[in-house]
Protein backbone atom coordinates (compact mmCIF):
# COMPACT_ATOMS: atom_id res chain seq x y z
CA MET A 1 -47.67 -33.11 -12.08
CA ASN A 2 -50.92 -34.15 -10.38
CA TRP A 3 -49.94 -37.07 -8.23
CA ASN A 4 -52.22 -39.68 -6.49
CA ILE A 5 -51.75 -42.66 -4.40
CA LEU A 6 -49.21 -45.02 -5.66
CA ASN A 7 -50.53 -48.07 -6.78
CA THR A 8 -48.13 -49.98 -8.94
CA GLU A 9 -44.34 -50.37 -9.27
CA ALA A 10 -44.70 -48.33 -12.69
CA GLU A 11 -45.79 -45.51 -10.23
CA TYR A 12 -43.60 -45.87 -7.40
CA GLN A 13 -40.65 -45.89 -9.75
CA LYS A 14 -42.07 -42.29 -11.55
CA ALA A 15 -42.11 -40.97 -7.93
CA ILE A 16 -38.68 -41.77 -6.93
CA THR A 17 -37.46 -40.52 -9.70
CA ARG A 18 -39.17 -36.96 -9.18
CA THR A 19 -38.66 -37.39 -5.84
CA LEU A 20 -34.61 -37.24 -6.49
CA ALA A 21 -35.08 -34.69 -9.30
CA VAL A 22 -36.31 -31.93 -6.49
CA PHE A 23 -35.02 -33.16 -3.87
CA HIS A 24 -32.79 -30.10 -3.04
CA ALA A 25 -36.05 -27.54 -3.91
CA PRO A 26 -35.76 -24.73 -1.88
CA GLU A 27 -38.26 -24.28 0.88
CA GLU A 28 -41.50 -22.60 0.40
CA SER A 29 -41.23 -23.61 -2.90
CA LYS A 30 -43.69 -25.49 -5.37
CA GLU A 31 -41.34 -28.07 -5.80
CA ALA A 32 -40.57 -28.61 -1.89
CA ARG A 33 -44.69 -28.74 -1.24
CA GLU A 34 -44.43 -31.05 -4.35
CA LEU A 35 -41.21 -33.01 -2.48
CA ALA A 36 -43.29 -33.20 0.84
CA LEU A 37 -46.24 -35.01 -1.18
CA LEU A 38 -44.09 -37.68 -2.64
CA LEU A 39 -42.31 -38.52 0.26
CA LEU A 40 -45.33 -39.15 2.00
CA LEU A 41 -46.91 -41.56 -1.17
CA VAL A 42 -43.37 -43.00 -1.45
CA LYS A 43 -43.26 -44.07 2.36
CA ASP A 44 -46.96 -45.17 1.87
CA TYR A 45 -46.19 -47.57 -1.11
CA GLU A 46 -43.01 -48.86 0.80
CA ASP A 47 -44.93 -49.33 3.93
CA LYS A 48 -47.64 -51.48 1.67
CA HIS A 49 -45.51 -53.61 -0.79
CA ILE A 50 -42.05 -53.74 0.59
CA VAL A 51 -41.09 -56.12 3.88
CA LEU A 52 -37.98 -56.49 5.22
CA PRO A 53 -36.58 -59.22 6.61
CA GLU A 54 -36.74 -59.95 10.39
CA ILE A 55 -33.47 -60.18 11.85
CA ASN A 56 -32.65 -61.30 15.25
CA ILE A 57 -29.01 -59.83 16.01
CA ILE A 58 -27.91 -61.96 18.83
CA LYS A 59 -28.37 -64.97 16.67
CA GLU A 60 -26.59 -63.72 13.81
CA TYR A 61 -23.82 -62.55 15.89
CA PHE A 62 -23.61 -66.19 17.30
CA GLN A 63 -23.33 -67.33 13.54
CA LEU A 64 -20.09 -65.27 13.20
CA PRO A 65 -16.90 -67.36 11.94
CA ALA A 66 -14.85 -67.65 15.09
CA GLU A 67 -11.98 -66.06 13.13
CA LEU A 68 -13.58 -62.70 13.26
CA PHE A 69 -12.46 -62.95 17.22
CA LEU A 70 -8.91 -64.12 17.22
CA LYS A 71 -6.44 -61.82 17.49
CA ALA A 72 -3.49 -61.37 14.98
CA SER A 73 0.09 -62.51 16.74
């Protein structure tokens, strides 16, 4: 398939499906080259459209219930 920059969720899903299909392609094969391109396109789409929440690990640690730290008798 002729791949271009992913602009829509549908294009992204199609690229993910194809990525999974060719993931174990032999090195230096046509599918391996396609996989390399797909991984770049998928990463680009995810960097632009998927936002992960920021986590303050120290704050989260201190909000854990005290029971998690109590030693069982």
